[in-house]
All heavy atoms as atom14 arrays in JSON, in Angstrom:
{
  "sequence": "SAAEIYSLGPEDIYLVHDDLDKALGKVAIKLGGSARGHNGVQSC",
  "atom14_mask": [
    [1, 1, 1, 1, 1, 1, 0, 0, 0, 0, 0, 0, 0, 0],
    [1, 1, 1, 1, 1, 0, 0, 0, 0, 0, 0, 0, 0, 0],
    [1, 1, 1, 1, 1, 0, 0, 0, 0, 0, 0, 0, 0, 0],
    [1, 1, 1, 1, 1, 1, 1, 1, 1, 0, 0, 0, 0, 0],
    [1, 1, 1, 1, 1, 1, 1, 1, 0, 0, 0, 0, 0, 0],
    [1, 1, 1, 1, 1, 1, 1, 1, 1, 1, 1, 1, 0, 0],
    [1, 1, 1, 1, 1, 1, 0, 0, 0, 0, 0, 0, 0, 0],
    [1, 1, 1, 1, 1, 1, 1, 1, 0, 0, 0, 0, 0, 0],
    [1, 1, 1, 1, 0, 0, 0, 0, 0, 0, 0, 0, 0, 0],
    [1, 1, 1, 1, 1, 1, 1, 0, 0, 0, 0, 0, 0, 0],
    [1, 1, 1, 1, 1, 1, 1, 1, 1, 0, 0, 0, 0, 0],
    [1, 1, 1, 1, 1, 1, 1, 1, 0, 0, 0, 0, 0, 0],
    [1, 1, 1, 1, 1, 1, 1, 1, 0, 0, 0, 0, 0, 0],
    [1, 1, 1, 1, 1, 1, 1, 1, 1, 1, 1, 1, 0, 0],
    [1, 1, 1, 1, 1, 1, 1, 1, 0, 0, 0, 0, 0, 0],
    [1, 1, 1, 1, 1, 1, 1, 0, 0, 0, 0, 0, 0, 0],
    [1, 1, 1, 1, 1, 1, 1, 1, 1, 1, 0, 0, 0, 0],
    [1, 1, 1, 1, 1, 1, 1, 1, 0, 0, 0, 0, 0, 0],
    [1, 1, 1, 1, 1, 1, 1, 1, 0, 0, 0, 0, 0, 0],
    [1, 1, 1, 1, 1, 1, 1, 1, 0, 0, 0, 0, 0, 0],
    [1, 1, 1, 1, 1, 1, 1, 1, 0, 0, 0, 0, 0, 0],
    [1, 1, 1, 1, 1, 1, 1, 1, 1, 0, 0, 0, 0, 0],
    [1, 1, 1, 1, 1, 0, 0, 0, 0, 0, 0, 0, 0, 0],
    [1, 1, 1, 1, 1, 1, 1, 1, 0, 0, 0, 0, 0, 0],
    [1, 1, 1, 1, 0, 0, 0, 0, 0, 0, 0, 0, 0, 0],
    [1, 1, 1, 1, 1, 1, 1, 1, 1, 0, 0, 0, 0, 0],
    [1, 1, 1, 1, 1, 1, 1, 0, 0, 0, 0, 0, 0, 0],
    [1, 1, 1, 1, 1, 0, 0, 0, 0, 0, 0, 0, 0, 0],
    [1, 1, 1, 1, 1, 1, 1, 1, 0, 0, 0, 0, 0, 0],
    [1, 1, 1, 1, 1, 1, 1, 1, 1, 0, 0, 0, 0, 0],
    [1, 1, 1, 1, 1, 1, 1, 1, 0, 0, 0, 0, 0, 0],
    [1, 1, 1, 1, 0, 0, 0, 0, 0, 0, 0, 0, 0, 0],
    [1, 1, 1, 1, 0, 0, 0, 0, 0, 0, 0, 0, 0, 0],
    [1, 1, 1, 1, 1, 1, 0, 0, 0, 0, 0, 0, 0, 0],
    [1, 1, 1, 1, 1, 0, 0, 0, 0, 0, 0, 0, 0, 0],
    [1, 1, 1, 1, 1, 1, 1, 1, 1, 1, 1, 0, 0, 0],
    [1, 1, 1, 1, 0, 0, 0, 0, 0, 0, 0, 0, 0, 0],
    [1, 1, 1, 1, 1, 1, 1, 1, 1, 1, 0, 0, 0, 0],
    [1, 1, 1, 1, 1, 1, 1, 1, 0, 0, 0, 0, 0, 0],
    [1, 1, 1, 1, 0, 0, 0, 0, 0, 0, 0, 0, 0, 0],
    [1, 1, 1, 1, 1, 1, 1, 0, 0, 0, 0, 0, 0, 0],
    [1, 1, 1, 1, 1, 1, 1, 1, 1, 0, 0, 0, 0, 0],
    [1, 1, 1, 1, 1, 1, 0, 0, 0, 0, 0, 0, 0, 0],
    [1, 1, 1, 1, 1, 1, 0, 0, 0, 0, 0, 0, 0, 0]
  ],
  "atom14_positions": [
    [[155.55, 108.44, 101.44], [155.57, 109.85, 101.04], [154.9, 110.03, 99.69], [154.11, 110.97, 99.5], [157.01, 110.38, 100.98], [157.58, 110.4, 102.26], [0.0, 0.0, 0.0], [0.0, 0.0, 0.0], [0.0, 0.0, 0.0], [0.0, 0.0, 0.0], [0.0, 0.0, 0.0], [0.0, 0.0, 0.0], [0.0, 0.0, 0.0], [0.0, 0.0, 0.0]],
    [[155.19, 109.16, 98.74], [154.57, 109.25, 97.42], [153.07, 109.02, 97.52], [152.27, 109.69, 96.84], [155.2, 108.24, 96.47], [0.0, 0.0, 0.0], [0.0, 0.0, 0.0], [0.0, 0.0, 0.0], [0.0, 0.0, 0.0], [0.0, 0.0, 0.0], [0.0, 0.0, 0.0], [0.0, 0.0, 0.0], [0.0, 0.0, 0.0], [0.0, 0.0, 0.0]],
    [[152.66, 108.1, 98.37], [151.22, 107.84, 98.56], [150.52, 109.1, 99.05], [149.41, 109.42, 98.59], [151.01, 106.68, 99.54], [0.0, 0.0, 0.0], [0.0, 0.0, 0.0], [0.0, 0.0, 0.0], [0.0, 0.0, 0.0], [0.0, 0.0, 0.0], [0.0, 0.0, 0.0], [0.0, 0.0, 0.0], [0.0, 0.0, 0.0], [0.0, 0.0, 0.0]],
    [[151.15, 109.81, 99.95], [150.56, 111.06, 100.45], [150.52, 112.13, 99.35], [149.5, 112.78, 99.15], [151.36, 111.56, 101.65], [150.74, 112.77, 102.32], [151.46, 113.16, 103.6], [152.05, 112.29, 104.25], [151.42, 114.36, 103.92], [0.0, 0.0, 0.0], [0.0, 0.0, 0.0], [0.0, 0.0, 0.0], [0.0, 0.0, 0.0], [0.0, 0.0, 0.0]],
    [[151.61, 112.27, 98.61], [151.7, 113.29, 97.56], [150.64, 113.05, 96.48], [149.99, 113.99, 96.0], [153.11, 113.28, 96.93], [154.14, 113.8, 97.95], [153.15, 114.09, 95.63], [155.58, 113.49, 97.58], [0.0, 0.0, 0.0], [0.0, 0.0, 0.0], [0.0, 0.0, 0.0], [0.0, 0.0, 0.0], [0.0, 0.0, 0.0], [0.0, 0.0, 0.0]],
    [[150.44, 111.8, 96.09], [149.54, 111.46, 94.99], [148.16, 110.97, 95.48], [147.38, 110.47, 94.69], [150.17, 110.41, 94.08], [151.4, 110.96, 93.37], [152.67, 110.7, 93.83], [151.25, 111.76, 92.23], [153.8, 111.21, 93.17], [152.36, 112.28, 91.58], [153.63, 111.99, 92.06], [154.73, 112.51, 91.4], [0.0, 0.0, 0.0], [0.0, 0.0, 0.0]],
    [[147.89, 111.14, 96.77], [146.59, 110.77, 97.36], [146.22, 109.32, 97.08], [145.12, 109.02, 96.59], [145.48, 111.71, 96.86], [145.77, 113.04, 97.19], [0.0, 0.0, 0.0], [0.0, 0.0, 0.0], [0.0, 0.0, 0.0], [0.0, 0.0, 0.0], [0.0, 0.0, 0.0], [0.0, 0.0, 0.0], [0.0, 0.0, 0.0], [0.0, 0.0, 0.0]],
    [[147.13, 108.42, 97.4], [146.91, 106.99, 97.19], [146.77, 106.28, 98.53], [147.48, 106.59, 99.49], [148.1, 106.37, 96.43], [148.42, 106.97, 95.06], [149.73, 106.44, 94.55], [147.29, 106.69, 94.1], [0.0, 0.0, 0.0], [0.0, 0.0, 0.0], [0.0, 0.0, 0.0], [0.0, 0.0, 0.0], [0.0, 0.0, 0.0], [0.0, 0.0, 0.0]],
    [[145.87, 105.32, 98.57], [145.74, 104.46, 99.74], [146.55, 103.18, 99.53], [146.96, 102.89, 98.39], [0.0, 0.0, 0.0], [0.0, 0.0, 0.0], [0.0, 0.0, 0.0], [0.0, 0.0, 0.0], [0.0, 0.0, 0.0], [0.0, 0.0, 0.0], [0.0, 0.0, 0.0], [0.0, 0.0, 0.0], [0.0, 0.0, 0.0], [0.0, 0.0, 0.0]],
    [[146.77, 102.42, 100.57], [147.53, 101.17, 100.45], [146.96, 100.23, 99.38], [147.7, 99.56, 98.68], [147.41, 100.54, 101.84], [147.19, 101.68, 102.76], [146.37, 102.67, 101.96], [0.0, 0.0, 0.0], [0.0, 0.0, 0.0], [0.0, 0.0, 0.0], [0.0, 0.0, 0.0], [0.0, 0.0, 0.0], [0.0, 0.0, 0.0], [0.0, 0.0, 0.0]],
    [[145.63, 100.24, 99.22], [145.0, 99.36, 98.23], [145.29, 99.8, 96.8], [145.09, 99.02, 95.86], [143.49, 99.31, 98.46], [142.76, 100.6, 98.22], [142.84, 101.64, 99.36], [143.46, 101.35, 100.42], [142.28, 102.73, 99.18], [0.0, 0.0, 0.0], [0.0, 0.0, 0.0], [0.0, 0.0, 0.0], [0.0, 0.0, 0.0], [0.0, 0.0, 0.0]],
    [[145.82, 101.01, 96.6], [146.18, 101.52, 95.27], [147.63, 101.22, 94.9], [148.04, 101.5, 93.79], [146.0, 103.05, 95.22], [144.58, 103.48, 95.52], [143.65, 102.83, 95.01], [144.42, 104.46, 96.28], [0.0, 0.0, 0.0], [0.0, 0.0, 0.0], [0.0, 0.0, 0.0], [0.0, 0.0, 0.0], [0.0, 0.0, 0.0], [0.0, 0.0, 0.0]],
    [[148.38, 100.69, 95.85], [149.83, 100.53, 95.68], [150.18, 99.11, 95.29], [149.68, 98.15, 95.89], [150.56, 100.94, 96.98], [150.3, 102.43, 97.25], [152.05, 100.64, 96.88], [150.77, 102.9, 98.6], [0.0, 0.0, 0.0], [0.0, 0.0, 0.0], [0.0, 0.0, 0.0], [0.0, 0.0, 0.0], [0.0, 0.0, 0.0], [0.0, 0.0, 0.0]],
    [[151.05, 99.0, 94.3], [151.59, 97.71, 93.88], [153.09, 97.73, 94.18], [153.79, 98.64, 93.74], [151.39, 97.48, 92.38], [149.96, 97.17, 92.02], [148.98, 98.16, 92.06], [149.59, 95.89, 91.65], [147.68, 97.88, 91.74], [148.28, 95.59, 91.33], [147.32, 96.59, 91.38], [146.03, 96.31, 91.07], [0.0, 0.0, 0.0], [0.0, 0.0, 0.0]],
    [[153.55, 96.74, 94.93], [154.97, 96.61, 95.23], [155.55, 95.51, 94.34], [154.97, 94.44, 94.21], [155.17, 96.21, 96.69], [154.57, 97.12, 97.76], [154.81, 96.55, 99.15], [155.12, 98.53, 97.65], [0.0, 0.0, 0.0], [0.0, 0.0, 0.0], [0.0, 0.0, 0.0], [0.0, 0.0, 0.0], [0.0, 0.0, 0.0], [0.0, 0.0, 0.0]],
    [[156.67, 95.79, 93.7], [157.38, 94.8, 92.9], [158.7, 94.52, 93.61], [159.48, 95.45, 93.86], [157.65, 95.33, 91.47], [158.34, 94.28, 90.63], [156.36, 95.8, 90.81], [0.0, 0.0, 0.0], [0.0, 0.0, 0.0], [0.0, 0.0, 0.0], [0.0, 0.0, 0.0], [0.0, 0.0, 0.0], [0.0, 0.0, 0.0], [0.0, 0.0, 0.0]],
    [[158.91, 93.25, 93.98], [160.09, 92.96, 94.79], [160.59, 91.53, 94.56], [159.88, 90.69, 94.03], [159.82, 93.18, 96.27], [158.76, 92.29, 96.85], [159.04, 91.04, 97.35], [157.43, 92.47, 96.99], [157.91, 90.49, 97.79], [156.92, 91.34, 97.57], [0.0, 0.0, 0.0], [0.0, 0.0, 0.0], [0.0, 0.0, 0.0], [0.0, 0.0, 0.0]],
    [[161.8, 91.3, 95.01], [162.43, 89.98, 94.9], [161.84, 89.03, 95.92], [161.3, 89.46, 96.95], [163.94, 90.1, 95.1], [164.29, 90.6, 96.49], [163.99, 91.76, 96.81], [164.84, 89.81, 97.29], [0.0, 0.0, 0.0], [0.0, 0.0, 0.0], [0.0, 0.0, 0.0], [0.0, 0.0, 0.0], [0.0, 0.0, 0.0], [0.0, 0.0, 0.0]],
    [[161.93, 87.73, 95.63], [161.45, 86.71, 96.55], [162.44, 85.54, 96.53], [162.55, 84.83, 95.54], [160.06, 86.24, 96.14], [159.4, 85.34, 97.18], [160.13, 84.62, 97.89], [158.17, 85.34, 97.25], [0.0, 0.0, 0.0], [0.0, 0.0, 0.0], [0.0, 0.0, 0.0], [0.0, 0.0, 0.0], [0.0, 0.0, 0.0], [0.0, 0.0, 0.0]],
    [[163.15, 85.38, 97.64], [164.14, 84.3, 97.77], [163.5, 82.91, 97.71], [164.15, 81.94, 97.31], [164.87, 84.41, 99.1], [165.99, 85.43, 99.21], [166.41, 85.59, 100.67], [167.16, 85.01, 98.37], [0.0, 0.0, 0.0], [0.0, 0.0, 0.0], [0.0, 0.0, 0.0], [0.0, 0.0, 0.0], [0.0, 0.0, 0.0], [0.0, 0.0, 0.0]],
    [[162.25, 82.8, 98.11], [161.59, 81.49, 98.19], [161.0, 81.03, 96.86], [160.48, 79.92, 96.78], [160.5, 81.51, 99.27], [161.09, 81.7, 100.65], [162.21, 81.19, 100.89], [160.45, 82.34, 101.49], [0.0, 0.0, 0.0], [0.0, 0.0, 0.0], [0.0, 0.0, 0.0], [0.0, 0.0, 0.0], [0.0, 0.0, 0.0], [0.0, 0.0, 0.0]],
    [[161.07, 81.85, 95.85], [160.6, 81.48, 94.51], [161.8, 81.19, 93.63], [162.83, 81.86, 93.73], [159.77, 82.59, 93.88], [158.48, 82.85, 94.58], [157.47, 83.34, 93.59], [156.09, 82.86, 93.9], [155.89, 81.55, 94.34], [0.0, 0.0, 0.0], [0.0, 0.0, 0.0], [0.0, 0.0, 0.0], [0.0, 0.0, 0.0], [0.0, 0.0, 0.0]],
    [[161.64, 80.22, 92.76], [162.71, 79.88, 91.82], [163.01, 81.08, 90.91], [162.12, 81.9, 90.63], [162.32, 78.67, 90.98], [0.0, 0.0, 0.0], [0.0, 0.0, 0.0], [0.0, 0.0, 0.0], [0.0, 0.0, 0.0], [0.0, 0.0, 0.0], [0.0, 0.0, 0.0], [0.0, 0.0, 0.0], [0.0, 0.0, 0.0], [0.0, 0.0, 0.0]],
    [[164.24, 81.19, 90.47], [164.67, 82.28, 89.61], [163.73, 82.44, 88.42], [163.48, 81.49, 87.67], [166.1, 82.03, 89.12], [166.71, 83.12, 88.26], [166.84, 84.42, 89.04], [168.08, 82.67, 87.75], [0.0, 0.0, 0.0], [0.0, 0.0, 0.0], [0.0, 0.0, 0.0], [0.0, 0.0, 0.0], [0.0, 0.0, 0.0], [0.0, 0.0, 0.0]],
    [[163.17, 83.65, 88.28], [162.31, 83.96, 87.15], [160.83, 83.66, 87.35], [160.0, 84.1, 86.56], [0.0, 0.0, 0.0], [0.0, 0.0, 0.0], [0.0, 0.0, 0.0], [0.0, 0.0, 0.0], [0.0, 0.0, 0.0], [0.0, 0.0, 0.0], [0.0, 0.0, 0.0], [0.0, 0.0, 0.0], [0.0, 0.0, 0.0], [0.0, 0.0, 0.0]],
    [[160.46, 82.93, 88.38], [159.05, 82.66, 88.65], [158.43, 83.9, 89.27], [159.08, 84.63, 90.02], [158.88, 81.46, 89.6], [159.41, 80.17, 89.03], [158.56, 79.72, 87.89], [159.08, 78.4, 87.35], [158.37, 77.96, 86.17], [0.0, 0.0, 0.0], [0.0, 0.0, 0.0], [0.0, 0.0, 0.0], [0.0, 0.0, 0.0], [0.0, 0.0, 0.0]],
    [[157.16, 84.15, 88.97], [156.48, 85.32, 89.52], [155.17, 84.9, 90.16], [154.59, 83.86, 89.81], [156.22, 86.39, 88.44], [157.5, 86.93, 87.88], [155.32, 85.86, 87.35], [0.0, 0.0, 0.0], [0.0, 0.0, 0.0], [0.0, 0.0, 0.0], [0.0, 0.0, 0.0], [0.0, 0.0, 0.0], [0.0, 0.0, 0.0], [0.0, 0.0, 0.0]],
    [[154.72, 85.7, 91.09], [153.44, 85.47, 91.76], [152.88, 86.82, 92.18], [153.63, 87.75, 92.48], [153.61, 84.56, 92.97], [0.0, 0.0, 0.0], [0.0, 0.0, 0.0], [0.0, 0.0, 0.0], [0.0, 0.0, 0.0], [0.0, 0.0, 0.0], [0.0, 0.0, 0.0], [0.0, 0.0, 0.0], [0.0, 0.0, 0.0], [0.0, 0.0, 0.0]],
    [[151.57, 86.9, 92.21], [150.91, 88.09, 92.71], [150.26, 87.74, 94.04], [149.65, 86.69, 94.17], [149.85, 88.61, 91.72], [150.55, 89.1, 90.45], [149.02, 89.73, 92.34], [149.6, 89.6, 89.38], [0.0, 0.0, 0.0], [0.0, 0.0, 0.0], [0.0, 0.0, 0.0], [0.0, 0.0, 0.0], [0.0, 0.0, 0.0], [0.0, 0.0, 0.0]],
    [[150.43, 88.63, 95.0], [149.88, 88.39, 96.34], [149.19, 89.66, 96.79], [149.7, 90.76, 96.6], [151.04, 88.04, 97.29], [150.62, 87.8, 98.72], [151.86, 87.48, 99.54], [151.53, 86.92, 100.86], [151.32, 87.44, 101.99], [0.0, 0.0, 0.0], [0.0, 0.0, 0.0], [0.0, 0.0, 0.0], [0.0, 0.0, 0.0], [0.0, 0.0, 0.0]],
    [[148.02, 89.52, 97.38], [147.3, 90.67, 97.93], [147.38, 90.61, 99.44], [146.91, 89.66, 100.06], [145.83, 90.65, 97.49], [144.94, 91.75, 98.09], [145.48, 93.12, 97.73], [143.52, 91.59, 97.59], [0.0, 0.0, 0.0], [0.0, 0.0, 0.0], [0.0, 0.0, 0.0], [0.0, 0.0, 0.0], [0.0, 0.0, 0.0], [0.0, 0.0, 0.0]],
    [[148.01, 91.62, 100.0], [148.08, 91.73, 101.46], [148.91, 90.64, 102.12], [149.69, 89.95, 101.47], [0.0, 0.0, 0.0], [0.0, 0.0, 0.0], [0.0, 0.0, 0.0], [0.0, 0.0, 0.0], [0.0, 0.0, 0.0], [0.0, 0.0, 0.0], [0.0, 0.0, 0.0], [0.0, 0.0, 0.0], [0.0, 0.0, 0.0], [0.0, 0.0, 0.0]],
    [[148.73, 90.52, 103.42], [149.44, 89.51, 104.18], [150.73, 90.04, 104.78], [151.03, 91.23, 104.73], [0.0, 0.0, 0.0], [0.0, 0.0, 0.0], [0.0, 0.0, 0.0], [0.0, 0.0, 0.0], [0.0, 0.0, 0.0], [0.0, 0.0, 0.0], [0.0, 0.0, 0.0], [0.0, 0.0, 0.0], [0.0, 0.0, 0.0], [0.0, 0.0, 0.0]],
    [[151.5, 89.11, 105.33], [152.75, 89.49, 106.01], [153.86, 89.76, 105.0], [153.74, 89.46, 103.81], [153.18, 88.36, 106.95], [153.73, 87.3, 106.21], [0.0, 0.0, 0.0], [0.0, 0.0, 0.0], [0.0, 0.0, 0.0], [0.0, 0.0, 0.0], [0.0, 0.0, 0.0], [0.0, 0.0, 0.0], [0.0, 0.0, 0.0], [0.0, 0.0, 0.0]],
    [[154.95, 90.29, 105.51], [156.11, 90.6, 104.68], [156.92, 89.36, 104.36], [157.77, 89.38, 103.48], [157.0, 91.62, 105.39], [0.0, 0.0, 0.0], [0.0, 0.0, 0.0], [0.0, 0.0, 0.0], [0.0, 0.0, 0.0], [0.0, 0.0, 0.0], [0.0, 0.0, 0.0], [0.0, 0.0, 0.0], [0.0, 0.0, 0.0], [0.0, 0.0, 0.0]],
    [[156.68, 88.27, 105.09], [157.4, 87.01, 104.89], [158.92, 87.19, 104.95], [159.65, 86.61, 104.18], [156.99, 86.35, 103.58], [155.51, 86.03, 103.53], [155.11, 85.39, 102.28], [155.92, 84.2, 102.06], [155.73, 83.33, 101.09], [154.75, 83.51, 100.26], [156.51, 82.29, 100.97], [0.0, 0.0, 0.0], [0.0, 0.0, 0.0], [0.0, 0.0, 0.0]],
    [[159.35, 88.07, 105.85], [160.78, 88.27, 106.07], [161.45, 89.24, 105.11], [162.66, 89.42, 105.17], [0.0, 0.0, 0.0], [0.0, 0.0, 0.0], [0.0, 0.0, 0.0], [0.0, 0.0, 0.0], [0.0, 0.0, 0.0], [0.0, 0.0, 0.0], [0.0, 0.0, 0.0], [0.0, 0.0, 0.0], [0.0, 0.0, 0.0], [0.0, 0.0, 0.0]],
    [[160.68, 89.85, 104.22], [161.26, 90.8, 103.26], [161.32, 92.19, 103.9], [160.3, 92.78, 104.21], [160.42, 90.83, 101.98], [161.1, 91.53, 100.85], [161.21, 92.9, 100.81], [161.73, 91.05, 99.76], [161.86, 93.24, 99.71], [162.19, 92.12, 99.06], [0.0, 0.0, 0.0], [0.0, 0.0, 0.0], [0.0, 0.0, 0.0], [0.0, 0.0, 0.0]],
    [[162.54, 92.72, 104.08], [162.71, 93.99, 104.77], [162.08, 95.17, 104.05], [161.56, 96.09, 104.67], [164.19, 94.27, 105.02], [164.8, 93.33, 106.04], [164.08, 92.81, 106.9], [166.08, 93.1, 105.95], [0.0, 0.0, 0.0], [0.0, 0.0, 0.0], [0.0, 0.0, 0.0], [0.0, 0.0, 0.0], [0.0, 0.0, 0.0], [0.0, 0.0, 0.0]],
    [[162.11, 95.18, 102.71], [161.5, 96.27, 101.96], [160.0, 96.27, 102.11], [159.37, 97.33, 102.29], [0.0, 0.0, 0.0], [0.0, 0.0, 0.0], [0.0, 0.0, 0.0], [0.0, 0.0, 0.0], [0.0, 0.0, 0.0], [0.0, 0.0, 0.0], [0.0, 0.0, 0.0], [0.0, 0.0, 0.0], [0.0, 0.0, 0.0], [0.0, 0.0, 0.0]],
    [[159.38, 95.1, 102.03], [157.94, 95.0, 102.21], [157.56, 95.37, 103.64], [156.59, 96.1, 103.86], [157.43, 93.58, 101.85], [155.95, 93.42, 102.17], [157.69, 93.27, 100.37], [0.0, 0.0, 0.0], [0.0, 0.0, 0.0], [0.0, 0.0, 0.0], [0.0, 0.0, 0.0], [0.0, 0.0, 0.0], [0.0, 0.0, 0.0], [0.0, 0.0, 0.0]],
    [[158.32, 94.9, 104.62], [158.05, 95.25, 106.02], [158.13, 96.75, 106.23], [157.32, 97.34, 106.93], [159.01, 94.52, 106.96], [158.65, 94.7, 108.43], [157.28, 94.11, 108.76], [157.02, 92.95, 108.49], [156.39, 94.93, 109.3], [0.0, 0.0, 0.0], [0.0, 0.0, 0.0], [0.0, 0.0, 0.0], [0.0, 0.0, 0.0], [0.0, 0.0, 0.0]],
    [[159.1, 97.38, 105.59], [159.23, 98.84, 105.68], [157.98, 99.53, 105.13], [157.5, 100.5, 105.71], [160.48, 99.29, 104.91], [160.56, 100.69, 104.86], [0.0, 0.0, 0.0], [0.0, 0.0, 0.0], [0.0, 0.0, 0.0], [0.0, 0.0, 0.0], [0.0, 0.0, 0.0], [0.0, 0.0, 0.0], [0.0, 0.0, 0.0], [0.0, 0.0, 0.0]],
    [[157.46, 99.02, 104.02], [156.23, 99.59, 103.44], [155.05, 99.38, 104.36], [154.24, 100.3, 104.57], [155.96, 98.97, 102.07], [157.19, 99.44, 100.81], [0.0, 0.0, 0.0], [0.0, 0.0, 0.0], [0.0, 0.0, 0.0], [0.0, 0.0, 0.0], [0.0, 0.0, 0.0], [0.0, 0.0, 0.0], [0.0, 0.0, 0.0], [0.0, 0.0, 0.0]]
  ]
}
């Protein structure tokens, strides 16, 4: 809905979310791909 309101395409969107498979506090950036079992990412 926000993407439509602000005229954004998927390539303009950054999702910030938790990752069970990464050690506590570690971060990674990923472009595209599957949700890897994350329900919030799958919803997006």
